[in-house]
PDB file of N, CA and C in Angstrom:
ATOM      1  N   MET A   1       0.851  -1.166   0.000  1.00  0.00           N
ATOM      2  CA  MET A   1       0.000   0.000   0.000  1.00  0.00           C
ATOM      3  C   MET A   1       0.898   1.230   0.000  1.00  0.00           C
ATOM      4  N   LYS A   2       0.578   2.175  -0.857  1.00  0.00           N
ATOM      5  CA  LYS A   2       1.342   3.416  -0.927  1.00  0.00           C
ATOM      6  C   LYS A   2       0.458   4.577  -0.480  1.00  0.00           C
ATOM      7  N   VAL A   3       0.962   5.362   0.485  1.00  0.00           N
ATOM      8  CA  VAL A   3       0.235   6.537   0.970  1.00  0.00           C
ATOM      9  C   VAL A   3       1.168   7.742   0.985  1.00  0.00           C
ATOM     10  N   LYS A   4       0.571   8.895   0.861  1.00  0.00           N
ATOM     11  CA  LYS A   4       1.327  10.135   1.002  1.00  0.00           C
ATOM     12  C   LYS A   4       1.165  10.598   2.445  1.00  0.00           C
ATOM     13  N   VAL A   5       2.272  10.855   3.122  1.00  0.00           N
ATOM     14  CA  VAL A   5       2.243  11.300   4.511  1.00  0.00           C
ATOM     15  C   VAL A   5       2.746  12.741   4.550  1.00  0.00           C
ATOM     16  N   LEU A   6       1.938  13.624   5.140  1.00  0.00           N
ATOM     17  CA  LEU A   6       2.286  15.036   5.294  1.00  0.00           C
ATOM     18  C   LEU A   6       2.632  15.319   6.743  1.00  0.00           C
ATOM     19  N   TYR A   7       3.598  16.198   6.961  1.00  0.00           N
ATOM     20  CA  TYR A   7       4.024  16.583   8.308  1.00  0.00           C
ATOM     21  C   TYR A   7       3.846  18.085   8.471  1.00  0.00           C
ATOM     22  N   PHE A   8       3.336  18.491   9.632  1.00  0.00           N
ATOM     23  CA  PHE A   8       3.120  19.906   9.902  1.00  0.00           C
ATOM     24  C   PHE A   8       3.760  20.298  11.229  1.00  0.00           C
ATOM     25  N   ALA A   9       4.076  21.583  11.346  1.00  0.00           N
ATOM     26  CA  ALA A   9       4.603  22.193  12.577  1.00  0.00           C
ATOM     27  C   ALA A   9       5.876  21.482  13.052  1.00  0.00           C
ATOM     28  N   PHE A  10       5.942  21.095  14.344  1.00  0.00           N
ATOM     29  CA  PHE A  10       7.180  20.527  14.871  1.00  0.00           C
ATOM     30  C   PHE A  10       7.534  19.202  14.204  1.00  0.00           C
ATOM     31  N   LEU A  11       6.543  18.481  13.689  1.00  0.00           N
ATOM     32  CA  LEU A  11       6.854  17.236  12.975  1.00  0.00           C
ATOM     33  C   LEU A  11       7.623  17.525  11.690  1.00  0.00           C
ATOM     34  N   ARG A  12       7.210  18.553  10.972  1.00  0.00           N
ATOM     35  CA  ARG A  12       7.920  18.969   9.759  1.00  0.00           C
ATOM     36  C   ARG A  12       9.359  19.325  10.096  1.00  0.00           C
ATOM     37  N   ASP A  13       9.545  20.054  11.194  1.00  0.00           N
ATOM     38  CA  ASP A  13      10.895  20.430  11.612  1.00  0.00           C
ATOM     39  C   ASP A  13      11.722  19.204  11.991  1.00  0.00           C
ATOM     40  N   ALA A  14      11.127  18.271  12.725  1.00  0.00           N
ATOM     41  CA  ALA A  14      11.844  17.069  13.149  1.00  0.00           C
ATOM     42  C   ALA A  14      12.203  16.180  11.953  1.00  0.00           C
ATOM     43  N   MET A  15      11.311  16.124  10.967  1.00  0.00           N
ATOM     44  CA  MET A  15      11.551  15.284   9.798  1.00  0.00           C
ATOM     45  C   MET A  15      12.501  15.940   8.809  1.00  0.00           C
ATOM     46  N   GLY A  16      12.522  17.267   8.817  1.00  0.00           N
ATOM     47  CA  GLY A  16      13.356  17.976   7.857  1.00  0.00           C
ATOM     48  C   GLY A  16      12.742  18.005   6.460  1.00  0.00           C
ATOM     49  N   ARG A  17      11.458  17.725   6.367  1.00  0.00           N
ATOM     50  CA  ARG A  17      10.740  17.749   5.088  1.00  0.00           C
ATOM     51  C   ARG A  17       9.239  17.844   5.380  1.00  0.00           C
ATOM     52  N   THR A  18       8.476  18.132   4.347  1.00  0.00           N
ATOM     53  CA  THR A  18       7.037  18.311   4.523  1.00  0.00           C
ATOM     54  C   THR A  18       6.229  17.051   4.250  1.00  0.00           C
ATOM     55  N   SER A  19       6.803  16.086   3.514  1.00  0.00           N
ATOM     56  CA  SER A  19       6.024  14.896   3.162  1.00  0.00           C
ATOM     57  C   SER A  19       6.916  13.725   2.773  1.00  0.00           C
ATOM     58  N   ASP A  20       6.296  12.564   2.723  1.00  0.00           N
ATOM     59  CA  ASP A  20       6.927  11.330   2.251  1.00  0.00           C
ATOM     60  C   ASP A  20       5.902  10.532   1.469  1.00  0.00           C
ATOM     61  N   GLU A  21       6.353   9.774   0.493  1.00  0.00           N
ATOM     62  CA  GLU A  21       5.555   8.724  -0.137  1.00  0.00           C
ATOM     63  C   GLU A  21       5.983   7.447   0.572  1.00  0.00           C
ATOM     64  N   VAL A  22       5.071   6.804   1.245  1.00  0.00           N
ATOM     65  CA  VAL A  22       5.399   5.648   2.080  1.00  0.00           C
ATOM     66  C   VAL A  22       4.789   4.381   1.496  1.00  0.00           C
ATOM     67  N   GLU A  23       5.617   3.372   1.353  1.00  0.00           N
ATOM     68  CA  GLU A  23       5.156   2.036   0.964  1.00  0.00           C
ATOM     69  C   GLU A  23       5.002   1.251   2.256  1.00  0.00           C
ATOM     70  N   ALA A  24       3.777   1.024   2.660  1.00  0.00           N
ATOM     71  CA  ALA A  24       3.494   0.330   3.924  1.00  0.00           C
ATOM     72  C   ALA A  24       3.004  -1.090   3.633  1.00  0.00           C
ATOM     73  N   PRO A  25       3.300  -2.018   4.542  1.00  0.00           N
ATOM     74  CA  PRO A  25       2.803  -3.388   4.351  1.00  0.00           C
ATOM     75  C   PRO A  25       1.279  -3.436   4.419  1.00  0.00           C
ATOM     76  N   ASP A  26       0.705  -4.482   3.847  1.00  0.00           N
ATOM     77  CA  ASP A  26      -0.755  -4.633   3.835  1.00  0.00           C
ATOM     78  C   ASP A  26      -1.351  -4.696   5.236  1.00  0.00           C
ATOM     79  N   SER A  27      -0.541  -5.058   6.227  1.00  0.00           N
ATOM     80  CA  SER A  27      -1.032  -5.138   7.606  1.00  0.00           C
ATOM     81  C   SER A  27      -1.333  -3.753   8.193  1.00  0.00           C
ATOM     82  N   VAL A  28      -0.858  -2.700   7.559  1.00  0.00           N
ATOM     83  CA  VAL A  28      -1.131  -1.332   8.018  1.00  0.00           C
ATOM     84  C   VAL A  28      -2.495  -0.934   7.455  1.00  0.00           C
ATOM     85  N   ALA A  29      -3.499  -0.965   8.311  1.00  0.00           N
ATOM     86  CA  ALA A  29      -4.870  -0.710   7.851  1.00  0.00           C
ATOM     87  C   ALA A  29      -5.534   0.478   8.535  1.00  0.00           C
ATOM     88  N   THR A  30      -4.865   1.064   9.549  1.00  0.00           N
ATOM     89  CA  THR A  30      -5.445   2.193  10.282  1.00  0.00           C
ATOM     90  C   THR A  30      -4.402   3.293  10.458  1.00  0.00           C
ATOM     91  N   VAL A  31      -4.885   4.451  10.867  1.00  0.00           N
ATOM     92  CA  VAL A  31      -3.990   5.578  11.144  1.00  0.00           C
ATOM     93  C   VAL A  31      -2.982   5.195  12.231  1.00  0.00           C
ATOM     94  N   GLY A  32      -3.451   4.551  13.293  1.00  0.00           N
ATOM     95  CA  GLY A  32      -2.563   4.145  14.379  1.00  0.00           C
ATOM     96  C   GLY A  32      -1.508   3.159  13.913  1.00  0.00           C
ATOM     97  N   ALA A  33      -1.909   2.211  13.063  1.00  0.00           N
ATOM     98  CA  ALA A  33      -0.952   1.232  12.538  1.00  0.00           C
ATOM     99  C   ALA A  33       0.073   1.905  11.632  1.00  0.00           C
ATOM    100  N   LEU A  34      -0.349   2.912  10.875  1.00  0.00           N
ATOM    101  CA  LEU A  34       0.593   3.651  10.038  1.00  0.00           C
ATOM    102  C   LEU A  34       1.602   4.391  10.902  1.00  0.00           C
ATOM    103  N   ARG A  35       1.117   5.027  11.965  1.00  0.00           N
ATOM    104  CA  ARG A  35       2.021   5.741  12.874  1.00  0.00           C
ATOM    105  C   ARG A  35       3.027   4.760  13.492  1.00  0.00           C
ATOM    106  N   GLU A  36       2.555   3.584  13.909  1.00  0.00           N
ATOM    107  CA  GLU A  36       3.464   2.571  14.474  1.00  0.00           C
ATOM    108  C   GLU A  36       4.468   2.090  13.440  1.00  0.00           C
ATOM    109  N   HIS A  37       4.017   1.906  12.204  1.00  0.00           N
ATOM    110  CA  HIS A  37       4.926   1.482  11.134  1.00  0.00           C
ATOM    111  C   HIS A  37       6.021   2.522  10.919  1.00  0.00           C
ATOM    112  N   LEU A  38       5.621   3.782  10.828  1.00  0.00           N
ATOM    113  CA  LEU A  38       6.609   4.848  10.621  1.00  0.00           C
ATOM    114  C   LEU A  38       7.616   4.880  11.775  1.00  0.00           C
ATOM    115  N   THR A  39       7.123   4.782  12.995  1.00  0.00           N
ATOM    116  CA  THR A  39       7.996   4.797  14.170  1.00  0.00           C
ATOM    117  C   THR A  39       8.974   3.628  14.131  1.00  0.00           C
ATOM    118  N   SER A  40       8.529   2.483  13.648  1.00  0.00           N
ATOM    119  CA  SER A  40       9.397   1.299  13.596  1.00  0.00           C
ATOM    120  C   SER A  40      10.534   1.452  12.592  1.00  0.00           C
ATOM    121  N   LEU A  41      10.433   2.428  11.705  1.00  0.00           N
ATOM    122  CA  LEU A  41      11.492   2.658  10.720  1.00  0.00           C
ATOM    123  C   LEU A  41      12.715   3.341  11.330  1.00  0.00           C
ATOM    124  N   GLY A  42      12.614   3.752  12.596  1.00  0.00           N
ATOM    125  CA  GLY A  42      13.732   4.430  13.263  1.00  0.00           C
ATOM    126  C   GLY A  42      13.701   5.921  13.010  1.00  0.00           C
ATOM    127  N   ASP A  43      14.830   6.572  13.263  1.00  0.00           N
ATOM    128  CA  ASP A  43      14.887   8.024  13.075  1.00  0.00           C
ATOM    129  C   ASP A  43      14.895   8.367  11.603  1.00  0.00           C
ATOM    130  N   PRO A  44      14.283   9.473  11.251  1.00  0.00           N
ATOM    131  CA  PRO A  44      13.753  10.538  12.095  1.00  0.00           C
ATOM    132  C   PRO A  44      12.320  10.312  12.590  1.00  0.00           C
ATOM    133  N   TRP A  45      11.623   9.265  12.068  1.00  0.00           N
ATOM    134  CA  TRP A  45      10.232   9.038  12.478  1.00  0.00           C
ATOM    135  C   TRP A  45      10.104   8.763  13.974  1.00  0.00           C
ATOM    136  N   ALA A  46      10.961   7.891  14.495  1.00  0.00           N
ATOM    137  CA  ALA A  46      10.864   7.525  15.920  1.00  0.00           C
ATOM    138  C   ALA A  46      10.989   8.757  16.803  1.00  0.00           C
ATOM    139  N   ARG A  47      11.922   9.624  16.479  1.00  0.00           N
ATOM    140  CA  ARG A  47      12.119  10.843  17.263  1.00  0.00           C
ATOM    141  C   ARG A  47      10.931  11.794  17.087  1.00  0.00           C
ATOM    142  N   ALA A  48      10.463  11.947  15.865  1.00  0.00           N
ATOM    143  CA  ALA A  48       9.375  12.884  15.585  1.00  0.00           C
ATOM    144  C   ALA A  48       8.065  12.467  16.260  1.00  0.00           C
ATOM    145  N   PHE A  49       7.804  11.157  16.308  1.00  0.00           N
ATOM    146  CA  PHE A  49       6.559  10.669  16.880  1.00  0.00           C
ATOM    147  C   PHE A  49       6.679  10.300  18.357  1.00  0.00           C
ATOM    148  N   ALA A  50       7.782  10.653  18.985  1.00  0.00           N
ATOM    149  CA  ALA A  50       8.005  10.298  20.392  1.00  0.00           C
ATOM    150  C   ALA A  50       6.903  10.845  21.303  1.00  0.00           C
ATOM    151  N   SER A  51       6.326  11.966  20.940  1.00  0.00           N
ATOM    152  CA  SER A  51       5.273  12.569  21.773  1.00  0.00           C
ATOM    153  C   SER A  51       3.904  12.281  21.165  1.00  0.00           C
ATOM    154  N   VAL A  52       3.581  11.012  21.006  1.00  0.00           N
ATOM    155  CA  VAL A  52       2.372  10.555  20.340  1.00  0.00           C
ATOM    156  C   VAL A  52       1.090  11.192  20.869  1.00  0.00           C
ATOM    157  N   LYS A  53       1.011  11.460  22.155  1.00  0.00           N
ATOM    158  CA  LYS A  53      -0.219  12.021  22.725  1.00  0.00           C
ATOM    159  C   LYS A  53      -0.533  13.401  22.171  1.00  0.00           C
ATOM    160  N   ARG A  54       0.464  14.082  21.652  1.00  0.00           N
ATOM    161  CA  ARG A  54       0.250  15.440  21.157  1.00  0.00           C
ATOM    162  C   ARG A  54       0.054  15.493  19.647  1.00  0.00           C
ATOM    163  N   ILE A  55      -0.078  14.382  18.979  1.00  0.00           N
ATOM    164  CA  ILE A  55      -0.154  14.370  17.527  1.00  0.00           C
ATOM    165  C   ILE A  55      -1.557  14.010  17.069  1.00  0.00           C
ATOM    166  N   ARG A  56      -2.092  14.823  16.175  1.00  0.00           N
ATOM    167  CA  ARG A  56      -3.406  14.573  15.569  1.00  0.00           C
ATOM    168  C   ARG A  56      -3.184  14.066  14.150  1.00  0.00           C
ATOM    169  N   ALA A  57      -4.235  13.577  13.521  1.00  0.00           N
ATOM    170  CA  ALA A  57      -4.120  13.072  12.155  1.00  0.00           C
ATOM    171  C   ALA A  57      -5.366  13.398  11.351  1.00  0.00           C
ATOM    172  N   SER A  58      -5.189  13.411  10.040  1.00  0.00           N
ATOM    173  CA  SER A  58      -6.314  13.494   9.125  1.00  0.00           C
ATOM    174  C   SER A  58      -6.040  12.528   7.971  1.00  0.00           C
ATOM    175  N   VAL A  59      -7.115  12.035   7.387  1.00  0.00           N
ATOM    176  CA  VAL A  59      -7.030  11.185   6.205  1.00  0.00           C
ATOM    177  C   VAL A  59      -7.833  11.870   5.114  1.00  0.00           C
ATOM    178  N   ASN A  60      -7.152  12.172   4.024  1.00  0.00           N
ATOM    179  CA  ASN A  60      -7.794  12.869   2.903  1.00  0.00           C
ATOM    180  C   ASN A  60      -8.516  14.134   3.369  1.00  0.00           C
ATOM    181  N   GLN A  61      -7.819  14.870   4.234  1.00  0.00           N
ATOM    182  CA  GLN A  61      -8.256  16.173   4.752  1.00  0.00           C
ATOM    183  C   GLN A  61      -9.479  16.099   5.649  1.00  0.00           C
ATOM    184  N   GLN A  62      -9.734  14.939   6.243  1.00  0.00           N
ATOM    185  CA  GLN A  62     -10.803  14.771   7.232  1.00  0.00           C
ATOM    186  C   GLN A  62     -10.169  14.307   8.536  1.00  0.00           C
ATOM    187  N   MET A  63     -10.513  14.965   9.635  1.00  0.00           N
ATOM    188  CA  MET A  63      -9.954  14.565  10.929  1.00  0.00           C
ATOM    189  C   MET A  63     -10.152  13.071  11.128  1.00  0.00           C
ATOM    190  N   ALA A  64      -9.130  12.421  11.704  1.00  0.00           N
ATOM    191  CA  ALA A  64      -9.172  10.969  11.863  1.00  0.00           C
ATOM    192  C   ALA A  64      -8.627  10.565  13.228  1.00  0.00           C
ATOM    193  N   SER A  65      -9.126   9.444  13.723  1.00  0.00           N
ATOM    194  CA  SER A  65      -8.608   8.865  14.955  1.00  0.00           C
ATOM    195  C   SER A  65      -7.692   7.707  14.592  1.00  0.00           C
ATOM    196  N   ASP A  66      -7.008   7.165  15.583  1.00  0.00           N
ATOM    197  CA  ASP A  66      -6.093   6.055  15.345  1.00  0.00           C
ATOM    198  C   ASP A  66      -6.792   4.834  14.745  1.00  0.00           C
ATOM    199  N   SER A  67      -8.079   4.674  14.990  1.00  0.00           N
ATOM    200  CA  SER A  67      -8.789   3.497  14.497  1.00  0.00           C
ATOM    201  C   SER A  67      -9.383   3.683  13.098  1.00  0.00           C
ATOM    202  N   ASP A  68      -9.272   4.883  12.544  1.00  0.00           N
ATOM    203  CA  ASP A  68      -9.814   5.118  11.205  1.00  0.00           C
ATOM    204  C   ASP A  68      -8.971   4.418  10.140  1.00  0.00           C
ATOM    205  N   PRO A  69      -9.632   3.923   9.089  1.00  0.00           N
ATOM    206  CA  PRO A  69      -8.915   3.161   8.063  1.00  0.00           C
ATOM    207  C   PRO A  69      -8.016   4.020   7.180  1.00  0.00           C
ATOM    208  N   VAL A  70      -6.976   3.369   6.681  1.00  0.00           N
ATOM    209  CA  VAL A  70      -6.072   3.961   5.698  1.00  0.00           C
ATOM    210  C   VAL A  70      -5.976   2.956   4.558  1.00  0.00           C
ATOM    211  N   LYS A  71      -6.093   3.468   3.324  1.00  0.00           N
ATOM    212  CA  LYS A  71      -6.012   2.570   2.177  1.00  0.00           C
ATOM    213  C   LYS A  71      -5.062   3.137   1.127  1.00  0.00           C
ATOM    214  N   ASP A  72      -4.740   2.308   0.176  1.00  0.00           N
ATOM    215  CA  ASP A  72      -3.828   2.684  -0.890  1.00  0.00           C
ATOM    216  C   ASP A  72      -4.273   3.989  -1.542  1.00  0.00           C
ATOM    217  N   GLY A  73      -3.316   4.900  -1.709  1.00  0.00           N
ATOM    218  CA  GLY A  73      -3.595   6.176  -2.360  1.00  0.00           C
ATOM    219  C   GLY A  73      -4.053   7.280  -1.430  1.00  0.00           C
ATOM    220  N   ASP A  74      -4.280   6.986  -0.156  1.00  0.00           N
ATOM    221  CA  ASP A  74      -4.728   8.013   0.789  1.00  0.00           C
ATOM    222  C   ASP A  74      -3.612   9.016   1.092  1.00  0.00           C
ATOM    223  N   GLU A  75      -4.042  10.197   1.525  1.00  0.00           N
ATOM    224  CA  GLU A  75      -3.136  11.222   2.030  1.00  0.00           C
ATOM    225  C   GLU A  75      -3.385  11.328   3.533  1.00  0.00           C
ATOM    226  N   VAL A  76      -2.345  11.070   4.317  1.00  0.00           N
ATOM    227  CA  VAL A  76      -2.463  11.098   5.775  1.00  0.00           C
ATOM    228  C   VAL A  76      -1.562  12.223   6.290  1.00  0.00           C
ATOM    229  N   ALA A  77      -2.144  13.129   7.062  1.00  0.00           N
ATOM    230  CA  ALA A  77      -1.393  14.250   7.626  1.00  0.00           C
ATOM    231  C   ALA A  77      -1.283  14.077   9.134  1.00  0.00           C
ATOM    232  N   PHE A  78      -0.110  14.385   9.671  1.00  0.00           N
ATOM    233  CA  PHE A  78       0.112  14.370  11.117  1.00  0.00           C
ATOM    234  C   PHE A  78       0.492  15.779  11.560  1.00  0.00           C
ATOM    235  N   PHE A  79      -0.079  16.222  12.681  1.00  0.00           N
ATOM    236  CA  PHE A  79       0.149  17.588  13.153  1.00  0.00           C
ATOM    237  C   PHE A  79      -0.186  17.690  14.629  1.00  0.00           C
ATOM    238  N   PRO A  80       0.352  18.720  15.295  1.00  0.00           N
ATOM    239  CA  PRO A  80       0.008  18.919  16.712  1.00  0.00           C
ATOM    240  C   PRO A  80      -1.406  19.501  16.822  1.00  0.00           C
ATOM    241  N   PRO A  81      -2.047  19.326  18.004  1.00  0.00           N
ATOM    242  CA  PRO A  81      -3.364  19.923  18.185  1.00  0.00           C
ATOM    243  C   PRO A  81      -3.275  21.446  18.059  1.00  0.00           C
ATOM    244  N   VAL A  82      -4.337  22.033  17.586  1.00  0.00           N
ATOM    245  CA  VAL A  82      -4.385  23.479  17.413  1.00  0.00           C
ATOM    246  C   VAL A  82      -5.134  24.078  18.598  1.00  0.00           C
ATOM    247  N   THR A  83      -4.559  25.112  19.164  1.00  0.00           N
ATOM    248  CA  THR A  83      -5.244  25.816  20.247  1.00  0.00           C
ATOM    249  C   THR A  83      -5.428  27.260  19.840  1.00  0.00           C
ATOM    250  N   GLY A  84      -6.382  27.878  20.415  1.00  0.00           N
ATOM    251  CA  GLY A  84      -6.643  29.273  20.087  1.00  0.00           C
ATOM    252  C   GLY A  84      -7.127  30.018  21.308  1.00  0.00           C
ATOM    253  N   GLY A  85      -7.298  31.277  21.161  1.00  0.00           N
ATOM    254  CA  GLY A  85      -7.764  32.024  22.295  1.00  0.00           C
ATOM    255  C   GLY A  85      -8.453  33.280  21.891  1.00  0.00           C
TER     256      GLY A  85
END
């Protein structure tokens, strides 16, 4: 399965780039599984995703939870939560 992964804010800085084309195994079927797969690749992913509780995701520009599905051709974005005042 091939997905486009986008990085925003501190993740972009930690990765040193804005996106990756990722070839993930067929066992990666959810946002959470994709995040675990990326982390298993080592640095820079492991370092960037070290603060997992602070990272949000979207799939094809729709907010997503760790249990939401990911399929071939999807665009998955990871970013910190947004706060305002």
